[in-house]
mmCIF file of all heavy atoms, coordinates in Angstrom:
data_MODEL
# 
_entry.id   MODEL 
# 
loop_
_atom_site.group_PDB 
_atom_site.id 
_atom_site.type_symbol 
_atom_site.label_atom_id 
_atom_site.label_alt_id 
_atom_site.label_comp_id 
_atom_site.label_asym_id 
_atom_site.label_entity_id 
_atom_site.label_seq_id 
_atom_site.pdbx_PDB_ins_code 
_atom_site.Cartn_x 
_atom_site.Cartn_y 
_atom_site.Cartn_z 
_atom_site.occupancy 
_atom_site.B_iso_or_equiv 
_atom_site.pdbx_formal_charge 
_atom_site.auth_seq_id 
_atom_site.auth_comp_id 
_atom_site.auth_asym_id 
_atom_site.auth_atom_id 
_atom_site.pdbx_PDB_model_num 
ATOM 1   N N   . GLU A 1 1  ? -6.447 -10.436 9.271  1.00 0.00 ? 1  GLU A N   1 
ATOM 2   C CA  . GLU A 1 1  ? -5.854 -9.143  9.554  1.00 0.00 ? 1  GLU A CA  1 
ATOM 3   C C   . GLU A 1 1  ? -4.665 -8.824  8.613  1.00 0.00 ? 1  GLU A C   1 
ATOM 4   O O   . GLU A 1 1  ? -4.498 -7.838  8.096  1.00 0.00 ? 1  GLU A O   1 
ATOM 5   C CB  . GLU A 1 1  ? -5.434 -9.163  10.966 1.00 0.00 ? 1  GLU A CB  1 
ATOM 6   C CG  . GLU A 1 1  ? -6.535 -9.151  12.032 1.00 0.00 ? 1  GLU A CG  1 
ATOM 7   C CD  . GLU A 1 1  ? -6.065 -9.332  13.369 1.00 0.00 ? 1  GLU A CD  1 
ATOM 8   O OE1 . GLU A 1 1  ? -5.287 -10.192 13.718 1.00 0.00 ? 1  GLU A OE1 1 
ATOM 9   O OE2 . GLU A 1 1  ? -6.412 -8.500  14.303 1.00 0.00 ? 1  GLU A OE2 1 
ATOM 10  N N   . SER A 1 2  ? -3.882 -9.914  8.431  1.00 0.00 ? 2  SER A N   1 
ATOM 11  C CA  . SER A 1 2  ? -2.658 -9.681  7.480  1.00 0.00 ? 2  SER A CA  1 
ATOM 12  C C   . SER A 1 2  ? -3.186 -9.425  6.147  1.00 0.00 ? 2  SER A C   1 
ATOM 13  O O   . SER A 1 2  ? -2.600 -8.675  5.402  1.00 0.00 ? 2  SER A O   1 
ATOM 14  C CB  . SER A 1 2  ? -1.879 -11.017 7.558  1.00 0.00 ? 2  SER A CB  1 
ATOM 15  O OG  . SER A 1 2  ? -1.328 -11.257 8.784  1.00 0.00 ? 2  SER A OG  1 
ATOM 16  N N   . SER A 1 3  ? -4.155 -10.099 5.682  1.00 0.00 ? 3  SER A N   1 
ATOM 17  C CA  . SER A 1 3  ? -4.600 -9.904  4.187  1.00 0.00 ? 3  SER A CA  1 
ATOM 18  C C   . SER A 1 3  ? -5.212 -8.540  4.069  1.00 0.00 ? 3  SER A C   1 
ATOM 19  O O   . SER A 1 3  ? -5.009 -7.956  2.957  1.00 0.00 ? 3  SER A O   1 
ATOM 20  C CB  . SER A 1 3  ? -5.709 -11.021 3.794  1.00 0.00 ? 3  SER A CB  1 
ATOM 21  O OG  . SER A 1 3  ? -6.959 -10.772 4.642  1.00 0.00 ? 3  SER A OG  1 
ATOM 22  N N   . GLU A 1 4  ? -5.799 -7.957  5.094  1.00 0.00 ? 4  GLU A N   1 
ATOM 23  C CA  . GLU A 1 4  ? -6.353 -6.627  5.055  1.00 0.00 ? 4  GLU A CA  1 
ATOM 24  C C   . GLU A 1 4  ? -5.211 -5.579  4.968  1.00 0.00 ? 4  GLU A C   1 
ATOM 25  O O   . GLU A 1 4  ? -5.253 -4.768  4.087  1.00 0.00 ? 4  GLU A O   1 
ATOM 26  C CB  . GLU A 1 4  ? -7.188 -6.355  6.302  1.00 0.00 ? 4  GLU A CB  1 
ATOM 27  C CG  . GLU A 1 4  ? -7.869 -4.890  6.253  1.00 0.00 ? 4  GLU A CG  1 
ATOM 28  C CD  . GLU A 1 4  ? -8.741 -4.712  7.498  1.00 0.00 ? 4  GLU A CD  1 
ATOM 29  O OE1 . GLU A 1 4  ? -8.941 -5.698  8.273  1.00 0.00 ? 4  GLU A OE1 1 
ATOM 30  O OE2 . GLU A 1 4  ? -9.037 -3.531  7.717  1.00 0.00 ? 4  GLU A OE2 1 
ATOM 31  N N   . ILE A 1 5  ? -4.121 -5.770  5.599  1.00 0.00 ? 5  ILE A N   1 
ATOM 32  C CA  . ILE A 1 5  ? -3.013 -4.841  5.594  1.00 0.00 ? 5  ILE A CA  1 
ATOM 33  C C   . ILE A 1 5  ? -2.330 -5.067  4.122  1.00 0.00 ? 5  ILE A C   1 
ATOM 34  O O   . ILE A 1 5  ? -2.044 -4.075  3.510  1.00 0.00 ? 5  ILE A O   1 
ATOM 35  C CB  . ILE A 1 5  ? -1.997 -5.203  6.618  1.00 0.00 ? 5  ILE A CB  1 
ATOM 36  C CG1 . ILE A 1 5  ? -2.661 -4.995  7.940  1.00 0.00 ? 5  ILE A CG1 1 
ATOM 37  C CG2 . ILE A 1 5  ? -0.689 -4.291  6.366  1.00 0.00 ? 5  ILE A CG2 1 
ATOM 38  C CD1 . ILE A 1 5  ? -1.717 -5.379  9.108  1.00 0.00 ? 5  ILE A CD1 1 
ATOM 39  N N   . VAL A 1 6  ? -2.149 -6.306  3.675  1.00 0.00 ? 6  VAL A N   1 
ATOM 40  C CA  . VAL A 1 6  ? -1.564 -6.562  2.365  1.00 0.00 ? 6  VAL A CA  1 
ATOM 41  C C   . VAL A 1 6  ? -2.356 -5.940  1.142  1.00 0.00 ? 6  VAL A C   1 
ATOM 42  O O   . VAL A 1 6  ? -1.812 -5.236  0.363  1.00 0.00 ? 6  VAL A O   1 
ATOM 43  C CB  . VAL A 1 6  ? -1.346 -8.026  2.185  1.00 0.00 ? 6  VAL A CB  1 
ATOM 44  C CG1 . VAL A 1 6  ? -1.139 -8.413  0.765  1.00 0.00 ? 6  VAL A CG1 1 
ATOM 45  C CG2 . VAL A 1 6  ? -0.255 -8.670  3.135  1.00 0.00 ? 6  VAL A CG2 1 
ATOM 46  N N   . ARG A 1 7  ? -3.643 -6.030  1.272  1.00 0.00 ? 7  ARG A N   1 
ATOM 47  C CA  . ARG A 1 7  ? -4.541 -5.519  0.204  1.00 0.00 ? 7  ARG A CA  1 
ATOM 48  C C   . ARG A 1 7  ? -4.486 -4.032  0.210  1.00 0.00 ? 7  ARG A C   1 
ATOM 49  O O   . ARG A 1 7  ? -4.504 -3.350  -0.762 1.00 0.00 ? 7  ARG A O   1 
ATOM 50  C CB  . ARG A 1 7  ? -5.944 -5.982  0.454  1.00 0.00 ? 7  ARG A CB  1 
ATOM 51  C CG  . ARG A 1 7  ? -6.095 -7.438  0.090  1.00 0.00 ? 7  ARG A CG  1 
ATOM 52  C CD  . ARG A 1 7  ? -7.493 -8.071  0.219  1.00 0.00 ? 7  ARG A CD  1 
ATOM 53  N NE  . ARG A 1 7  ? -7.514 -9.438  0.114  1.00 0.00 ? 7  ARG A NE  1 
ATOM 54  C CZ  . ARG A 1 7  ? -7.405 -10.238 -1.148 1.00 0.00 ? 7  ARG A CZ  1 
ATOM 55  N NH1 . ARG A 1 7  ? -7.314 -9.494  -2.122 1.00 0.00 ? 7  ARG A NH1 1 
ATOM 56  N NH2 . ARG A 1 7  ? -7.361 -11.480 -1.128 1.00 0.00 ? 7  ARG A NH2 1 
ATOM 57  N N   . ALA A 1 8  ? -4.468 -3.425  1.401  1.00 0.00 ? 8  ALA A N   1 
ATOM 58  C CA  . ALA A 1 8  ? -4.263 -1.965  1.494  1.00 0.00 ? 8  ALA A CA  1 
ATOM 59  C C   . ALA A 1 8  ? -2.967 -1.459  0.961  1.00 0.00 ? 8  ALA A C   1 
ATOM 60  O O   . ALA A 1 8  ? -2.834 -0.405  0.031  1.00 0.00 ? 8  ALA A O   1 
ATOM 61  C CB  . ALA A 1 8  ? -4.449 -1.487  2.963  1.00 0.00 ? 8  ALA A CB  1 
ATOM 62  N N   . VAL A 1 9  ? -1.907 -2.229  1.260  1.00 0.00 ? 9  VAL A N   1 
ATOM 63  C CA  . VAL A 1 9  ? -0.545 -1.850  0.690  1.00 0.00 ? 9  VAL A CA  1 
ATOM 64  C C   . VAL A 1 9  ? -0.546 -2.010  -0.829 1.00 0.00 ? 9  VAL A C   1 
ATOM 65  O O   . VAL A 1 9  ? 0.002  -1.218  -1.572 1.00 0.00 ? 9  VAL A O   1 
ATOM 66  C CB  . VAL A 1 9  ? 0.552  -2.661  1.297  1.00 0.00 ? 9  VAL A CB  1 
ATOM 67  C CG1 . VAL A 1 9  ? 1.793  -2.614  0.692  1.00 0.00 ? 9  VAL A CG1 1 
ATOM 68  C CG2 . VAL A 1 9  ? 0.719  -2.383  2.819  1.00 0.00 ? 9  VAL A CG2 1 
ATOM 69  N N   . HIS A 1 10 ? -1.149 -3.118  -1.306 1.00 0.00 ? 10 HIS A N   1 
ATOM 70  C CA  . HIS A 1 10 ? -1.175 -3.420  -2.697 1.00 0.00 ? 10 HIS A CA  1 
ATOM 71  C C   . HIS A 1 10 ? -1.937 -2.397  -3.549 1.00 0.00 ? 10 HIS A C   1 
ATOM 72  O O   . HIS A 1 10 ? -1.429 -1.881  -4.604 1.00 0.00 ? 10 HIS A O   1 
ATOM 73  C CB  . HIS A 1 10 ? -1.784 -4.889  -2.818 1.00 0.00 ? 10 HIS A CB  1 
ATOM 74  C CG  . HIS A 1 10 ? -1.817 -5.260  -4.387 1.00 0.00 ? 10 HIS A CG  1 
ATOM 75  N ND1 . HIS A 1 10 ? -0.622 -5.619  -4.953 1.00 0.00 ? 10 HIS A ND1 1 
ATOM 76  C CD2 . HIS A 1 10 ? -2.718 -5.412  -5.206 1.00 0.00 ? 10 HIS A CD2 1 
ATOM 77  C CE1 . HIS A 1 10 ? -0.927 -5.942  -6.288 1.00 0.00 ? 10 HIS A CE1 1 
ATOM 78  N NE2 . HIS A 1 10 ? -2.334 -5.766  -6.420 1.00 0.00 ? 10 HIS A NE2 1 
ATOM 79  N N   . GLU A 1 11 ? -2.961 -1.861  -2.947 1.00 0.00 ? 11 GLU A N   1 
ATOM 80  C CA  . GLU A 1 11 ? -3.758 -0.908  -3.668 1.00 0.00 ? 11 GLU A CA  1 
ATOM 81  C C   . GLU A 1 11 ? -2.897 0.447   -3.762 1.00 0.00 ? 11 GLU A C   1 
ATOM 82  O O   . GLU A 1 11 ? -2.953 1.204   -4.746 1.00 0.00 ? 11 GLU A O   1 
ATOM 83  C CB  . GLU A 1 11 ? -5.051 -0.639  -2.864 1.00 0.00 ? 11 GLU A CB  1 
ATOM 84  C CG  . GLU A 1 11 ? -6.043 -1.733  -3.080 1.00 0.00 ? 11 GLU A CG  1 
ATOM 85  C CD  . GLU A 1 11 ? -7.362 -1.519  -2.304 1.00 0.00 ? 11 GLU A CD  1 
ATOM 86  O OE1 . GLU A 1 11 ? -7.378 -0.455  -1.712 1.00 0.00 ? 11 GLU A OE1 1 
ATOM 87  O OE2 . GLU A 1 11 ? -8.237 -2.463  -2.269 1.00 0.00 ? 11 GLU A OE2 1 
ATOM 88  N N   . ARG A 1 12 ? -2.255 0.758   -2.736 1.00 0.00 ? 12 ARG A N   1 
ATOM 89  C CA  . ARG A 1 12 ? -1.369 1.928   -2.642 1.00 0.00 ? 12 ARG A CA  1 
ATOM 90  C C   . ARG A 1 12 ? -0.222 1.855   -3.728 1.00 0.00 ? 12 ARG A C   1 
ATOM 91  O O   . ARG A 1 12 ? 0.146  2.817   -4.370 1.00 0.00 ? 12 ARG A O   1 
ATOM 92  C CB  . ARG A 1 12 ? -0.756 2.366   -1.348 1.00 0.00 ? 12 ARG A CB  1 
ATOM 93  C CG  . ARG A 1 12 ? -1.834 2.574   -0.285 1.00 0.00 ? 12 ARG A CG  1 
ATOM 94  C CD  . ARG A 1 12 ? -1.157 2.847   1.081  1.00 0.00 ? 12 ARG A CD  1 
ATOM 95  N NE  . ARG A 1 12 ? -2.120 3.110   2.067  1.00 0.00 ? 12 ARG A NE  1 
ATOM 96  C CZ  . ARG A 1 12 ? -1.797 3.364   3.424  1.00 0.00 ? 12 ARG A CZ  1 
ATOM 97  N NH1 . ARG A 1 12 ? -0.525 3.279   3.743  1.00 0.00 ? 12 ARG A NH1 1 
ATOM 98  N NH2 . ARG A 1 12 ? -2.712 3.557   4.312  1.00 0.00 ? 12 ARG A NH2 1 
ATOM 99  N N   . ARG A 1 13 ? 0.202  0.584   -3.732 1.00 0.00 ? 13 ARG A N   1 
ATOM 100 C CA  . ARG A 1 13 ? 1.356  0.332   -4.838 1.00 0.00 ? 13 ARG A CA  1 
ATOM 101 C C   . ARG A 1 13 ? 0.878  0.591   -6.379 1.00 0.00 ? 13 ARG A C   1 
ATOM 102 O O   . ARG A 1 13 ? 1.664  0.976   -7.089 1.00 0.00 ? 13 ARG A O   1 
ATOM 103 C CB  . ARG A 1 13 ? 1.834  -1.106  -4.632 1.00 0.00 ? 13 ARG A CB  1 
ATOM 104 C CG  . ARG A 1 13 ? 2.595  -1.207  -3.384 1.00 0.00 ? 13 ARG A CG  1 
ATOM 105 C CD  . ARG A 1 13 ? 3.940  -0.671  -3.489 1.00 0.00 ? 13 ARG A CD  1 
ATOM 106 N NE  . ARG A 1 13 ? 4.683  -0.756  -2.249 1.00 0.00 ? 13 ARG A NE  1 
ATOM 107 C CZ  . ARG A 1 13 ? 5.984  -0.765  -2.035 1.00 0.00 ? 13 ARG A CZ  1 
ATOM 108 N NH1 . ARG A 1 13 ? 6.754  -0.675  -3.043 1.00 0.00 ? 13 ARG A NH1 1 
ATOM 109 N NH2 . ARG A 1 13 ? 6.492  -0.804  -0.809 1.00 0.00 ? 13 ARG A NH2 1 
ATOM 110 N N   . LEU A 1 14 ? -0.373 0.239   -6.473 1.00 0.00 ? 14 LEU A N   1 
ATOM 111 C CA  . LEU A 1 14 ? -0.893 0.439   -7.862 1.00 0.00 ? 14 LEU A CA  1 
ATOM 112 C C   . LEU A 1 14 ? -0.914 2.006   -8.087 1.00 0.00 ? 14 LEU A C   1 
ATOM 113 O O   . LEU A 1 14 ? -0.834 2.375   -9.341 1.00 0.00 ? 14 LEU A O   1 
ATOM 114 C CB  . LEU A 1 14 ? -2.355 -0.141  -7.959 1.00 0.00 ? 14 LEU A CB  1 
ATOM 115 C CG  . LEU A 1 14 ? -2.432 -1.599  -7.876 1.00 0.00 ? 14 LEU A CG  1 
ATOM 116 C CD1 . LEU A 1 14 ? -3.952 -2.094  -7.882 1.00 0.00 ? 14 LEU A CD1 1 
ATOM 117 C CD2 . LEU A 1 14 ? -1.569 -2.277  -8.842 1.00 0.00 ? 14 LEU A CD2 1 
ATOM 118 N N   . GLU A 1 15 ? -1.169 2.798   -7.140 1.00 0.00 ? 15 GLU A N   1 
ATOM 119 C CA  . GLU A 1 15 ? -1.194 4.297   -7.292 1.00 0.00 ? 15 GLU A CA  1 
ATOM 120 C C   . GLU A 1 15 ? 0.293  4.844   -7.341 1.00 0.00 ? 15 GLU A C   1 
ATOM 121 O O   . GLU A 1 15 ? 0.546  5.692   -8.071 1.00 0.00 ? 15 GLU A O   1 
ATOM 122 C CB  . GLU A 1 15 ? -2.023 4.934   -6.187 1.00 0.00 ? 15 GLU A CB  1 
ATOM 123 C CG  . GLU A 1 15 ? -3.422 4.436   -6.041 1.00 0.00 ? 15 GLU A CG  1 
ATOM 124 C CD  . GLU A 1 15 ? -4.209 4.956   -4.858 1.00 0.00 ? 15 GLU A CD  1 
ATOM 125 O OE1 . GLU A 1 15 ? -3.566 5.778   -4.240 1.00 0.00 ? 15 GLU A OE1 1 
ATOM 126 O OE2 . GLU A 1 15 ? -5.254 4.606   -4.734 1.00 0.00 ? 15 GLU A OE2 1 
ATOM 127 N N   . LEU A 1 16 ? 1.047  4.250   -6.373 1.00 0.00 ? 16 LEU A N   1 
ATOM 128 C CA  . LEU A 1 16 ? 2.405  4.716   -6.265 1.00 0.00 ? 16 LEU A CA  1 
ATOM 129 C C   . LEU A 1 16 ? 3.483  3.547   -6.431 1.00 0.00 ? 16 LEU A C   1 
ATOM 130 O O   . LEU A 1 16 ? 3.765  2.932   -5.387 1.00 0.00 ? 16 LEU A O   1 
ATOM 131 C CB  . LEU A 1 16 ? 2.671  5.486   -4.946 1.00 0.00 ? 16 LEU A CB  1 
ATOM 132 C CG  . LEU A 1 16 ? 1.810  6.647   -4.704 1.00 0.00 ? 16 LEU A CG  1 
ATOM 133 C CD1 . LEU A 1 16 ? 1.984  7.115   -3.192 1.00 0.00 ? 16 LEU A CD1 1 
ATOM 134 C CD2 . LEU A 1 16 ? 2.270  7.775   -5.506 1.00 0.00 ? 16 LEU A CD2 1 
ATOM 135 N N   . PRO A 1 17 ? 3.803  3.110   -7.642 1.00 0.00 ? 17 PRO A N   1 
ATOM 136 C CA  . PRO A 1 17 ? 4.688  1.905   -7.724 1.00 0.00 ? 17 PRO A CA  1 
ATOM 137 C C   . PRO A 1 17 ? 5.918  1.770   -7.013 1.00 0.00 ? 17 PRO A C   1 
ATOM 138 O O   . PRO A 1 17 ? 6.439  0.812   -6.681 1.00 0.00 ? 17 PRO A O   1 
ATOM 139 C CB  . PRO A 1 17 ? 4.839  1.907   -9.342 1.00 0.00 ? 17 PRO A CB  1 
ATOM 140 C CG  . PRO A 1 17 ? 3.816  2.735   -9.926 1.00 0.00 ? 17 PRO A CG  1 
ATOM 141 C CD  . PRO A 1 17 ? 3.412  3.826   -8.896 1.00 0.00 ? 17 PRO A CD  1 
ATOM 142 N N   . ASP A 1 18 ? 6.517  2.978   -6.769 1.00 0.00 ? 18 ASP A N   1 
ATOM 143 C CA  . ASP A 1 18 ? 7.830  3.041   -6.155 1.00 0.00 ? 18 ASP A CA  1 
ATOM 144 C C   . ASP A 1 18 ? 7.749  3.169   -4.554 1.00 0.00 ? 18 ASP A C   1 
ATOM 145 O O   . ASP A 1 18 ? 8.607  3.360   -3.899 1.00 0.00 ? 18 ASP A O   1 
ATOM 146 C CB  . ASP A 1 18 ? 8.624  4.341   -6.520 1.00 0.00 ? 18 ASP A CB  1 
ATOM 147 C CG  . ASP A 1 18 ? 8.970  4.082   -7.981 1.00 0.00 ? 18 ASP A CG  1 
ATOM 148 O OD1 . ASP A 1 18 ? 9.228  2.981   -8.365 1.00 0.00 ? 18 ASP A OD1 1 
ATOM 149 O OD2 . ASP A 1 18 ? 9.100  5.094   -8.612 1.00 0.00 ? 18 ASP A OD2 1 
ATOM 150 N N   . GLY A 1 19 ? 6.385  2.996   -4.057 1.00 0.00 ? 19 GLY A N   1 
ATOM 151 C CA  . GLY A 1 19 ? 6.222  2.943   -2.663 1.00 0.00 ? 19 GLY A CA  1 
ATOM 152 C C   . GLY A 1 19 ? 5.605  4.242   -2.100 1.00 0.00 ? 19 GLY A C   1 
ATOM 153 O O   . GLY A 1 19 ? 5.673  5.273   -2.859 1.00 0.00 ? 19 GLY A O   1 
ATOM 154 N N   . PRO A 1 20 ? 4.976  4.174   -0.939 1.00 0.00 ? 20 PRO A N   1 
ATOM 155 C CA  . PRO A 1 20 ? 4.320  5.292   -0.345 1.00 0.00 ? 20 PRO A CA  1 
ATOM 156 C C   . PRO A 1 20 ? 5.271  6.320   0.278  1.00 0.00 ? 20 PRO A C   1 
ATOM 157 O O   . PRO A 1 20 ? 6.350  6.031   0.596  1.00 0.00 ? 20 PRO A O   1 
ATOM 158 C CB  . PRO A 1 20 ? 3.455  4.674   0.772  1.00 0.00 ? 20 PRO A CB  1 
ATOM 159 C CG  . PRO A 1 20 ? 4.333  3.599   1.305  1.00 0.00 ? 20 PRO A CG  1 
ATOM 160 C CD  . PRO A 1 20 ? 5.097  2.976   0.002  1.00 0.00 ? 20 PRO A CD  1 
ATOM 161 N N   . ARG A 1 21 ? 4.748  7.533   0.496  1.00 0.00 ? 21 ARG A N   1 
ATOM 162 C CA  . ARG A 1 21 ? 5.539  8.516   1.121  1.00 0.00 ? 21 ARG A CA  1 
ATOM 163 C C   . ARG A 1 21 ? 5.231  8.263   2.675  1.00 0.00 ? 21 ARG A C   1 
ATOM 164 O O   . ARG A 1 21 ? 4.238  7.657   2.996  1.00 0.00 ? 21 ARG A O   1 
ATOM 165 C CB  . ARG A 1 21 ? 5.085  9.938   0.785  1.00 0.00 ? 21 ARG A CB  1 
ATOM 166 C CG  . ARG A 1 21 ? 5.530  10.265  -0.575 1.00 0.00 ? 21 ARG A CG  1 
ATOM 167 C CD  . ARG A 1 21 ? 5.110  11.639  -0.931 1.00 0.00 ? 21 ARG A CD  1 
ATOM 168 N NE  . ARG A 1 21 ? 3.737  11.947  -0.790 1.00 0.00 ? 21 ARG A NE  1 
ATOM 169 C CZ  . ARG A 1 21 ? 2.925  11.676  -1.880 1.00 0.00 ? 21 ARG A CZ  1 
ATOM 170 N NH1 . ARG A 1 21 ? 3.274  11.210  -2.966 1.00 0.00 ? 21 ARG A NH1 1 
ATOM 171 N NH2 . ARG A 1 21 ? 1.549  11.890  -1.705 1.00 0.00 ? 21 ARG A NH2 1 
ATOM 172 N N   . ALA A 1 22 ? 5.903  8.733   3.646  1.00 0.00 ? 22 ALA A N   1 
ATOM 173 C CA  . ALA A 1 22 ? 5.898  8.499   4.981  1.00 0.00 ? 22 ALA A CA  1 
ATOM 174 C C   . ALA A 1 22 ? 4.512  8.995   5.516  1.00 0.00 ? 22 ALA A C   1 
ATOM 175 O O   . ALA A 1 22 ? 3.917  8.313   6.327  1.00 0.00 ? 22 ALA A O   1 
ATOM 176 C CB  . ALA A 1 22 ? 7.059  9.214   5.791  1.00 0.00 ? 22 ALA A CB  1 
ATOM 177 N N   . GLU A 1 23 ? 4.047  10.047  5.013  1.00 0.00 ? 23 GLU A N   1 
ATOM 178 C CA  . GLU A 1 23 ? 2.790  10.637  5.627  1.00 0.00 ? 23 GLU A CA  1 
ATOM 179 C C   . GLU A 1 23 ? 1.616  9.651   5.126  1.00 0.00 ? 23 GLU A C   1 
ATOM 180 O O   . GLU A 1 23 ? 0.499  9.896   5.518  1.00 0.00 ? 23 GLU A O   1 
ATOM 181 C CB  . GLU A 1 23 ? 2.508  12.077  5.036  1.00 0.00 ? 23 GLU A CB  1 
ATOM 182 C CG  . GLU A 1 23 ? 2.480  12.245  3.611  1.00 0.00 ? 23 GLU A CG  1 
ATOM 183 C CD  . GLU A 1 23 ? 3.740  12.488  2.879  1.00 0.00 ? 23 GLU A CD  1 
ATOM 184 O OE1 . GLU A 1 23 ? 4.843  12.160  3.500  1.00 0.00 ? 23 GLU A OE1 1 
ATOM 185 O OE2 . GLU A 1 23 ? 3.802  12.949  1.893  1.00 0.00 ? 23 GLU A OE2 1 
ATOM 186 N N   . LEU A 1 24 ? 1.786  8.660   4.194  1.00 0.00 ? 24 LEU A N   1 
ATOM 187 C CA  . LEU A 1 24 ? 0.732  7.876   3.798  1.00 0.00 ? 24 LEU A CA  1 
ATOM 188 C C   . LEU A 1 24 ? 0.579  6.594   4.571  1.00 0.00 ? 24 LEU A C   1 
ATOM 189 O O   . LEU A 1 24 ? -0.372 5.817   4.374  1.00 0.00 ? 24 LEU A O   1 
ATOM 190 C CB  . LEU A 1 24 ? 0.869  7.546   2.334  1.00 0.00 ? 24 LEU A CB  1 
ATOM 191 C CG  . LEU A 1 24 ? 0.638  8.662   1.293  1.00 0.00 ? 24 LEU A CG  1 
ATOM 192 C CD1 . LEU A 1 24 ? 0.920  8.085   -0.094 1.00 0.00 ? 24 LEU A CD1 1 
ATOM 193 C CD2 . LEU A 1 24 ? -0.525 9.353   1.443  1.00 0.00 ? 24 LEU A CD2 1 
# 
């Protein structure tokens, strides 16, 4: 479960290096 969340966050970071917006 933790790895799934981490991988999802990591993929978003590749798209938005400075972090996601709240709506994401």
